[in-house]
PDB file of N, CA and C in Angstrom:
ATOM      1  N   MET A   1     111.181 273.008 246.623  1.00  0.00           N
ATOM      2  CA  MET A   1     111.803 273.403 247.871  1.00  0.00           C
ATOM      3  C   MET A   1     111.609 274.888 248.076  1.00  0.00           C
ATOM      4  N   SER A   2     111.649 275.252 249.300  1.00  0.00           N
ATOM      5  CA  SER A   2     111.646 276.666 249.622  1.00  0.00           C
ATOM      6  C   SER A   2     113.019 277.232 249.260  1.00  0.00           C
ATOM      7  N   LEU A   3     113.113 278.521 249.244  1.00  0.00           N
ATOM      8  CA  LEU A   3     114.397 279.177 249.015  1.00  0.00           C
ATOM      9  C   LEU A   3     114.904 279.734 250.329  1.00  0.00           C
ATOM     10  N   GLN A   4     116.176 280.044 250.380  1.00  0.00           N
ATOM     11  CA  GLN A   4     116.743 280.689 251.556  1.00  0.00           C
ATOM     12  C   GLN A   4     117.734 281.755 251.117  1.00  0.00           C
ATOM     13  N   ILE A   5     117.902 282.735 251.983  1.00  0.00           N
ATOM     14  CA  ILE A   5     118.837 283.826 251.711  1.00  0.00           C
ATOM     15  C   ILE A   5     120.070 283.617 252.567  1.00  0.00           C
ATOM     16  N   LEU A   6     121.215 283.638 251.929  1.00  0.00           N
ATOM     17  CA  LEU A   6     122.479 283.427 252.636  1.00  0.00           C
ATOM     18  C   LEU A   6     122.914 284.687 253.385  1.00  0.00           C
ATOM     19  N   ASP A   7     123.861 284.508 254.287  1.00  0.00           N
ATOM     20  CA  ASP A   7     124.348 285.642 255.070  1.00  0.00           C
ATOM     21  C   ASP A   7     125.208 286.595 254.255  1.00  0.00           C
ATOM     22  N   THR A   8     125.366 286.330 252.974  1.00  0.00           N
ATOM     23  CA  THR A   8     126.065 287.274 252.095  1.00  0.00           C
ATOM     24  C   THR A   8     125.122 288.364 251.580  1.00  0.00           C
ATOM     25  N   CYS A   9     123.856 288.305 252.012  1.00  0.00           N
ATOM     26  CA  CYS A   9     122.863 289.322 251.656  1.00  0.00           C
ATOM     27  C   CYS A   9     123.369 290.701 252.078  1.00  0.00           C
ATOM     28  N   VAL A  10     123.171 291.685 251.202  1.00  0.00           N
ATOM     29  CA  VAL A  10     123.625 293.047 251.481  1.00  0.00           C
ATOM     30  C   VAL A  10     122.462 293.968 251.865  1.00  0.00           C
ATOM     31  N   ASN A  11     121.286 293.377 252.142  1.00  0.00           N
ATOM     32  CA  ASN A  11     120.105 294.156 252.545  1.00  0.00           C
ATOM     33  C   ASN A  11     119.773 295.271 251.567  1.00  0.00           C
ATOM     34  N   CYS A  12     119.774 294.936 250.294  1.00  0.00           N
ATOM     35  CA  CYS A  12     119.520 295.951 249.265  1.00  0.00           C
ATOM     36  C   CYS A  12     118.027 296.240 249.087  1.00  0.00           C
ATOM     37  N   ASP A  13     117.187 295.429 249.697  1.00  0.00           N
ATOM     38  CA  ASP A  13     115.731 295.653 249.683  1.00  0.00           C
ATOM     39  C   ASP A  13     115.043 295.371 248.351  1.00  0.00           C
ATOM     40  N   VAL A  14     115.666 294.705 247.400  1.00  0.00           N
ATOM     41  CA  VAL A  14     114.989 294.472 246.128  1.00  0.00           C
ATOM     42  C   VAL A  14     114.156 293.184 246.113  1.00  0.00           C
ATOM     43  N   CYS A  15     114.466 292.228 246.972  1.00  0.00           N
ATOM     44  CA  CYS A  15     113.754 290.952 246.932  1.00  0.00           C
ATOM     45  C   CYS A  15     112.387 291.009 247.612  1.00  0.00           C
ATOM     46  N   GLU A  16     112.289 291.712 248.701  1.00  0.00           N
ATOM     47  CA  GLU A  16     111.036 291.725 249.475  1.00  0.00           C
ATOM     48  C   GLU A  16     109.825 292.182 248.656  1.00  0.00           C
ATOM     49  N   PRO A  17     109.897 293.295 247.950  1.00  0.00           N
ATOM     50  CA  PRO A  17     108.697 293.742 247.229  1.00  0.00           C
ATOM     51  C   PRO A  17     108.295 292.876 246.032  1.00  0.00           C
ATOM     52  N   VAL A  18     109.204 292.052 245.499  1.00  0.00           N
ATOM     53  CA  VAL A  18     108.842 291.240 244.337  1.00  0.00           C
ATOM     54  C   VAL A  18     108.253 289.880 244.717  1.00  0.00           C
ATOM     55  N   CYS A  19     108.252 289.547 245.996  1.00  0.00           N
ATOM     56  CA  CYS A  19     107.739 288.250 246.433  1.00  0.00           C
ATOM     57  C   CYS A  19     106.207 288.270 246.450  1.00  0.00           C
ATOM     58  N   PRO A  20     105.572 287.469 245.590  1.00  0.00           N
ATOM     59  CA  PRO A  20     104.110 287.501 245.516  1.00  0.00           C
ATOM     60  C   PRO A  20     103.412 286.900 246.742  1.00  0.00           C
ATOM     61  N   ASN A  21     104.133 286.115 247.517  1.00  0.00           N
ATOM     62  CA  ASN A  21     103.540 285.470 248.688  1.00  0.00           C
ATOM     63  C   ASN A  21     103.899 286.153 250.008  1.00  0.00           C
ATOM     64  N   LYS A  22     104.619 287.261 249.919  1.00  0.00           N
ATOM     65  CA  LYS A  22     105.054 287.979 251.132  1.00  0.00           C
ATOM     66  C   LYS A  22     105.859 287.066 252.050  1.00  0.00           C
ATOM     67  N   ALA A  23     106.686 286.197 251.453  1.00  0.00           N
ATOM     68  CA  ALA A  23     107.485 285.246 252.220  1.00  0.00           C
ATOM     69  C   ALA A  23     108.798 285.846 252.704  1.00  0.00           C
ATOM     70  N   ILE A  24     109.180 287.001 252.177  1.00  0.00           N
ATOM     71  CA  ILE A  24     110.471 287.604 252.506  1.00  0.00           C
ATOM     72  C   ILE A  24     110.273 288.759 253.466  1.00  0.00           C
ATOM     73  N   SER A  25     111.096 288.758 254.512  1.00  0.00           N
ATOM     74  CA  SER A  25     111.044 289.857 255.483  1.00  0.00           C
ATOM     75  C   SER A  25     112.451 290.120 256.007  1.00  0.00           C
ATOM     76  N   LEU A  26     112.620 291.273 256.609  1.00  0.00           N
ATOM     77  CA  LEU A  26     113.918 291.621 257.175  1.00  0.00           C
ATOM     78  C   LEU A  26     114.093 290.887 258.495  1.00  0.00           C
ATOM     79  N   GLY A  27     115.150 290.090 258.574  1.00  0.00           N
ATOM     80  CA  GLY A  27     115.471 289.375 259.797  1.00  0.00           C
ATOM     81  C   GLY A  27     116.333 290.232 260.696  1.00  0.00           C
ATOM     82  N   GLU A  28     116.967 289.611 261.665  1.00  0.00           N
ATOM     83  CA  GLU A  28     117.809 290.362 262.604  1.00  0.00           C
ATOM     84  C   GLU A  28     119.016 290.989 261.925  1.00  0.00           C
ATOM     85  N   GLU A  29     119.613 290.255 260.968  1.00  0.00           N
ATOM     86  CA  GLU A  29     120.817 290.762 260.312  1.00  0.00           C
ATOM     87  C   GLU A  29     120.643 290.971 258.809  1.00  0.00           C
ATOM     88  N   TYR A  30     119.819 290.151 258.185  1.00  0.00           N
ATOM     89  CA  TYR A  30     119.594 290.237 256.747  1.00  0.00           C
ATOM     90  C   TYR A  30     118.215 289.663 256.440  1.00  0.00           C
ATOM     91  N   TYR A  31     117.811 289.749 255.186  1.00  0.00           N
ATOM     92  CA  TYR A  31     116.485 289.263 254.798  1.00  0.00           C
ATOM     93  C   TYR A  31     116.395 287.744 254.949  1.00  0.00           C
ATOM     94  N   VAL A  32     115.188 287.274 255.256  1.00  0.00           N
ATOM     95  CA  VAL A  32     114.934 285.846 255.427  1.00  0.00           C
ATOM     96  C   VAL A  32     113.678 285.472 254.642  1.00  0.00           C
ATOM     97  N   ILE A  33     113.561 284.192 254.331  1.00  0.00           N
ATOM     98  CA  ILE A  33     112.403 283.671 253.608  1.00  0.00           C
ATOM     99  C   ILE A  33     111.678 282.681 254.500  1.00  0.00           C
ATOM    100  N   ASP A  34     110.378 282.876 254.666  1.00  0.00           N
ATOM    101  CA  ASP A  34     109.538 281.974 255.451  1.00  0.00           C
ATOM    102  C   ASP A  34     109.212 280.762 254.579  1.00  0.00           C
ATOM    103  N   PRO A  35     109.722 279.569 254.931  1.00  0.00           N
ATOM    104  CA  PRO A  35     109.475 278.397 254.086  1.00  0.00           C
ATOM    105  C   PRO A  35     107.998 278.006 254.015  1.00  0.00           C
ATOM    106  N   ALA A  36     107.204 278.412 254.977  1.00  0.00           N
ATOM    107  CA  ALA A  36     105.772 278.108 254.938  1.00  0.00           C
ATOM    108  C   ALA A  36     105.052 278.928 253.878  1.00  0.00           C
ATOM    109  N   LEU A  37     105.653 280.026 253.438  1.00  0.00           N
ATOM    110  CA  LEU A  37     105.028 280.900 252.442  1.00  0.00           C
ATOM    111  C   LEU A  37     105.701 280.849 251.079  1.00  0.00           C
ATOM    112  N   CYS A  38     106.918 280.347 251.013  1.00  0.00           N
ATOM    113  CA  CYS A  38     107.667 280.342 249.754  1.00  0.00           C
ATOM    114  C   CYS A  38     107.207 279.200 248.859  1.00  0.00           C
ATOM    115  N   THR A  39     106.811 279.549 247.633  1.00  0.00           N
ATOM    116  CA  THR A  39     106.464 278.552 246.624  1.00  0.00           C
ATOM    117  C   THR A  39     107.420 278.625 245.431  1.00  0.00           C
ATOM    118  N   GLU A  40     108.534 279.318 245.591  1.00  0.00           N
ATOM    119  CA  GLU A  40     109.461 279.573 244.489  1.00  0.00           C
ATOM    120  C   GLU A  40     108.733 280.240 243.329  1.00  0.00           C
ATOM    121  N   CYS A  41     107.699 280.990 243.645  1.00  0.00           N
ATOM    122  CA  CYS A  41     106.860 281.732 242.701  1.00  0.00           C
ATOM    123  C   CYS A  41     105.980 280.831 241.843  1.00  0.00           C
ATOM    124  N   VAL A  42     105.910 279.539 242.160  1.00  0.00           N
ATOM    125  CA  VAL A  42     105.004 278.635 241.454  1.00  0.00           C
ATOM    126  C   VAL A  42     103.585 279.192 241.580  1.00  0.00           C
ATOM    127  N   GLY A  43     102.883 279.223 240.468  1.00  0.00           N
ATOM    128  CA  GLY A  43     101.532 279.770 240.433  1.00  0.00           C
ATOM    129  C   GLY A  43     101.497 281.245 240.082  1.00  0.00           C
ATOM    130  N   HIS A  44     102.631 281.901 240.185  1.00  0.00           N
ATOM    131  CA  HIS A  44     102.706 283.330 239.877  1.00  0.00           C
ATOM    132  C   HIS A  44     103.604 283.604 238.667  1.00  0.00           C
ATOM    133  N   PHE A  45     104.810 283.026 238.697  1.00  0.00           N
ATOM    134  CA  PHE A  45     105.819 283.292 237.671  1.00  0.00           C
ATOM    135  C   PHE A  45     106.538 281.993 237.307  1.00  0.00           C
ATOM    136  N   ASP A  46     107.224 281.999 236.189  1.00  0.00           N
ATOM    137  CA  ASP A  46     107.998 280.829 235.770  1.00  0.00           C
ATOM    138  C   ASP A  46     109.264 280.648 236.602  1.00  0.00           C
ATOM    139  N   ASP A  47     109.829 281.746 237.073  1.00  0.00           N
ATOM    140  CA  ASP A  47     111.074 281.702 237.843  1.00  0.00           C
ATOM    141  C   ASP A  47     110.904 282.488 239.138  1.00  0.00           C
ATOM    142  N   PRO A  48     111.625 282.098 240.192  1.00  0.00           N
ATOM    143  CA  PRO A  48     111.561 282.841 241.446  1.00  0.00           C
ATOM    144  C   PRO A  48     112.022 284.289 241.229  1.00  0.00           C
ATOM    145  N   GLN A  49     111.156 285.211 241.552  1.00  0.00           N
ATOM    146  CA  GLN A  49     111.446 286.624 241.305  1.00  0.00           C
ATOM    147  C   GLN A  49     112.569 287.158 242.178  1.00  0.00           C
ATOM    148  N   CYS A  50     112.689 286.666 243.387  1.00  0.00           N
ATOM    149  CA  CYS A  50     113.760 287.139 244.264  1.00  0.00           C
ATOM    150  C   CYS A  50     115.127 286.771 243.701  1.00  0.00           C
ATOM    151  N   VAL A  51     115.225 285.564 243.145  1.00  0.00           N
ATOM    152  CA  VAL A  51     116.482 285.135 242.521  1.00  0.00           C
ATOM    153  C   VAL A  51     116.788 286.006 241.314  1.00  0.00           C
ATOM    154  N   GLU A  52     115.769 286.334 240.546  1.00  0.00           N
ATOM    155  CA  GLU A  52     115.944 287.151 239.347  1.00  0.00           C
ATOM    156  C   GLU A  52     116.499 288.537 239.663  1.00  0.00           C
ATOM    157  N   VAL A  53     116.076 289.137 240.783  1.00  0.00           N
ATOM    158  CA  VAL A  53     116.478 290.519 241.080  1.00  0.00           C
ATOM    159  C   VAL A  53     117.677 290.630 242.019  1.00  0.00           C
ATOM    160  N   CYS A  54     118.078 289.556 242.656  1.00  0.00           N
ATOM    161  CA  CYS A  54     119.165 289.628 243.644  1.00  0.00           C
ATOM    162  C   CYS A  54     120.494 289.980 242.978  1.00  0.00           C
ATOM    163  N   PRO A  55     121.094 291.104 243.360  1.00  0.00           N
ATOM    164  CA  PRO A  55     122.339 291.516 242.717  1.00  0.00           C
ATOM    165  C   PRO A  55     123.576 290.752 243.203  1.00  0.00           C
ATOM    166  N   VAL A  56     123.474 290.067 244.327  1.00  0.00           N
ATOM    167  CA  VAL A  56     124.644 289.353 244.860  1.00  0.00           C
ATOM    168  C   VAL A  56     124.474 287.838 244.806  1.00  0.00           C
ATOM    169  N   GLU A  57     123.391 287.370 244.187  1.00  0.00           N
ATOM    170  CA  GLU A  57     123.143 285.943 244.011  1.00  0.00           C
ATOM    171  C   GLU A  57     123.265 285.160 245.317  1.00  0.00           C
ATOM    172  N   CYS A  58     122.560 285.639 246.337  1.00  0.00           N
ATOM    173  CA  CYS A  58     122.649 285.001 247.657  1.00  0.00           C
ATOM    174  C   CYS A  58     121.391 284.212 248.010  1.00  0.00           C
ATOM    175  N   ILE A  59     120.546 283.929 247.034  1.00  0.00           N
ATOM    176  CA  ILE A  59     119.315 283.178 247.292  1.00  0.00           C
ATOM    177  C   ILE A  59     119.433 281.811 246.629  1.00  0.00           C
ATOM    178  N   ILE A  60     119.330 280.768 247.463  1.00  0.00           N
ATOM    179  CA  ILE A  60     119.523 279.405 246.989  1.00  0.00           C
ATOM    180  C   ILE A  60     118.366 278.520 247.452  1.00  0.00           C
ATOM    181  N   VAL A  61     118.338 277.307 246.945  1.00  0.00           N
ATOM    182  CA  VAL A  61     117.353 276.321 247.382  1.00  0.00           C
ATOM    183  C   VAL A  61     117.653 275.937 248.828  1.00  0.00           C
ATOM    184  N   ASP A  62     116.609 275.878 249.637  1.00  0.00           N
ATOM    185  CA  ASP A  62     116.736 275.509 251.046  1.00  0.00           C
ATOM    186  C   ASP A  62     116.556 273.994 251.173  1.00  0.00           C
ATOM    187  N   THR A  63     117.650 273.266 251.236  1.00  0.00           N
ATOM    188  CA  THR A  63     117.587 271.810 251.290  1.00  0.00           C
ATOM    189  C   THR A  63     116.979 271.287 252.584  1.00  0.00           C
ATOM    190  N   ALA A  64     116.835 272.138 253.581  1.00  0.00           N
ATOM    191  CA  ALA A  64     116.198 271.725 254.839  1.00  0.00           C
ATOM    192  C   ALA A  64     114.690 271.631 254.697  1.00  0.00           C
ATOM    193  N   HIS A  65     114.147 272.178 253.605  1.00  0.00           N
ATOM    194  CA  HIS A  65     112.699 272.165 253.359  1.00  0.00           C
ATOM    195  C   HIS A  65     112.412 271.608 251.962  1.00  0.00           C
ATOM    196  N   PRO A  66     112.637 270.299 251.767  1.00  0.00           N
ATOM    197  CA  PRO A  66     112.426 269.723 250.432  1.00  0.00           C
ATOM    198  C   PRO A  66     110.952 269.677 250.041  1.00  0.00           C
ATOM    199  N   GLU A  67     110.668 270.109 248.819  1.00  0.00           N
ATOM    200  CA  GLU A  67     109.313 270.079 248.278  1.00  0.00           C
ATOM    201  C   GLU A  67     109.397 269.828 246.781  1.00  0.00           C
ATOM    202  N   SER A  68     108.518 268.995 246.292  1.00  0.00           N
ATOM    203  CA  SER A  68     108.459 268.722 244.859  1.00  0.00           C
ATOM    204  C   SER A  68     107.679 269.847 244.176  1.00  0.00           C
ATOM    205  N   PRO A  69     107.742 269.920 242.858  1.00  0.00           N
ATOM    206  CA  PRO A  69     106.911 270.902 242.150  1.00  0.00           C
ATOM    207  C   PRO A  69     105.422 270.736 242.478  1.00  0.00           C
ATOM    208  N   ASP A  70     104.971 269.498 242.622  1.00  0.00           N
ATOM    209  CA  ASP A  70     103.566 269.270 242.995  1.00  0.00           C
ATOM    210  C   ASP A  70     103.274 269.810 244.394  1.00  0.00           C
ATOM    211  N   ASP A  71     104.212 269.615 245.324  1.00  0.00           N
ATOM    212  CA  ASP A  71     104.051 270.159 246.676  1.00  0.00           C
ATOM    213  C   ASP A  71     103.929 271.678 246.631  1.00  0.00           C
ATOM    214  N   LEU A  72     104.761 272.308 245.798  1.00  0.00           N
ATOM    215  CA  LEU A  72     104.732 273.767 245.692  1.00  0.00           C
ATOM    216  C   LEU A  72     103.411 274.250 245.106  1.00  0.00           C
ATOM    217  N   ARG A  73     102.879 273.516 244.118  1.00  0.00           N
ATOM    218  CA  ARG A  73     101.578 273.882 243.546  1.00  0.00           C
ATOM    219  C   ARG A  73     100.461 273.745 244.582  1.00  0.00           C
ATOM    220  N   LEU A  74     100.523 272.693 245.397  1.00  0.00           N
ATOM    221  CA  LEU A  74      99.527 272.514 246.466  1.00  0.00           C
ATOM    222  C   LEU A  74      99.632 273.631 247.502  1.00  0.00           C
ATOM    223  N   LYS A  75     100.861 273.995 247.865  1.00  0.00           N
ATOM    224  CA  LYS A  75     101.054 275.087 248.822  1.00  0.00           C
ATOM    225  C   LYS A  75     100.505 276.391 248.259  1.00  0.00           C
ATOM    226  N   TYR A  76     100.774 276.645 246.974  1.00  0.00           N
ATOM    227  CA  TYR A  76     100.238 277.834 246.315  1.00  0.00           C
ATOM    228  C   TYR A  76      98.711 277.844 246.416  1.00  0.00           C
ATOM    229  N   GLY A  77      98.079 276.724 246.137  1.00  0.00           N
ATOM    230  CA  GLY A  77      96.621 276.627 246.231  1.00  0.00           C
ATOM    231  C   GLY A  77      96.105 276.910 247.618  1.00  0.00           C
ATOM    232  N   ARG A  78      96.773 276.384 248.630  1.00  0.00           N
ATOM    233  CA  ARG A  78      96.375 276.648 250.022  1.00  0.00           C
ATOM    234  C   ARG A  78      96.549 278.128 250.377  1.00  0.00           C
ATOM    235  N   LEU A  79      97.633 278.716 249.946  1.00  0.00           N
ATOM    236  CA  LEU A  79      97.881 280.142 250.234  1.00  0.00           C
ATOM    237  C   LEU A  79      96.834 281.026 249.562  1.00  0.00           C
ATOM    238  N   MET A  80      96.474 280.694 248.335  1.00  0.00           N
ATOM    239  CA  MET A  80      95.480 281.494 247.624  1.00  0.00           C
ATOM    240  C   MET A  80      94.104 281.310 248.243  1.00  0.00           C
ATOM    241  N   ALA A  81      93.793 280.105 248.666  1.00  0.00           N
ATOM    242  CA  ALA A  81      92.492 279.849 249.315  1.00  0.00           C
ATOM    243  C   ALA A  81      92.402 280.597 250.642  1.00  0.00           C
ATOM    244  N   ALA A  82      93.503 280.700 251.356  1.00  0.00           N
ATOM    245  CA  ALA A  82      93.500 281.407 252.643  1.00  0.00           C
ATOM    246  C   ALA A  82      93.312 282.913 252.456  1.00  0.00           C
ATOM    247  N   LYS A  83      93.704 283.450 251.293  1.00  0.00           N
ATOM    248  CA  LYS A  83      93.527 284.878 251.013  1.00  0.00           C
ATOM    249  C   LYS A  83      92.087 285.218 250.673  1.00  0.00           C
ATOM    250  N   SER A  84      91.310 284.222 250.256  1.00  0.00           N
ATOM    251  CA  SER A  84      89.927 284.463 249.827  1.00  0.00           C
ATOM    252  C   SER A  84      89.009 284.718 250.984  1.00  0.00           C
TER     253      SER A  84
END
């Protein structure tokens, strides 16, 4: 599944630079994650880096965008192929 940032985000700016897929950006009120780009760091890291660095623990699984680990690996492959 993609991840999402809750409205408890304090805009500390630590999650955006650690996202290897550039899926995180500043929204109107707080940071947001683009589900089309989020692979939960599959293909890059063992754990989602944004979750690891978030000081307020406001990043959770986005149940509106269900994806299996295989789906995330396929998305990672498509994203990497598009960068080539």
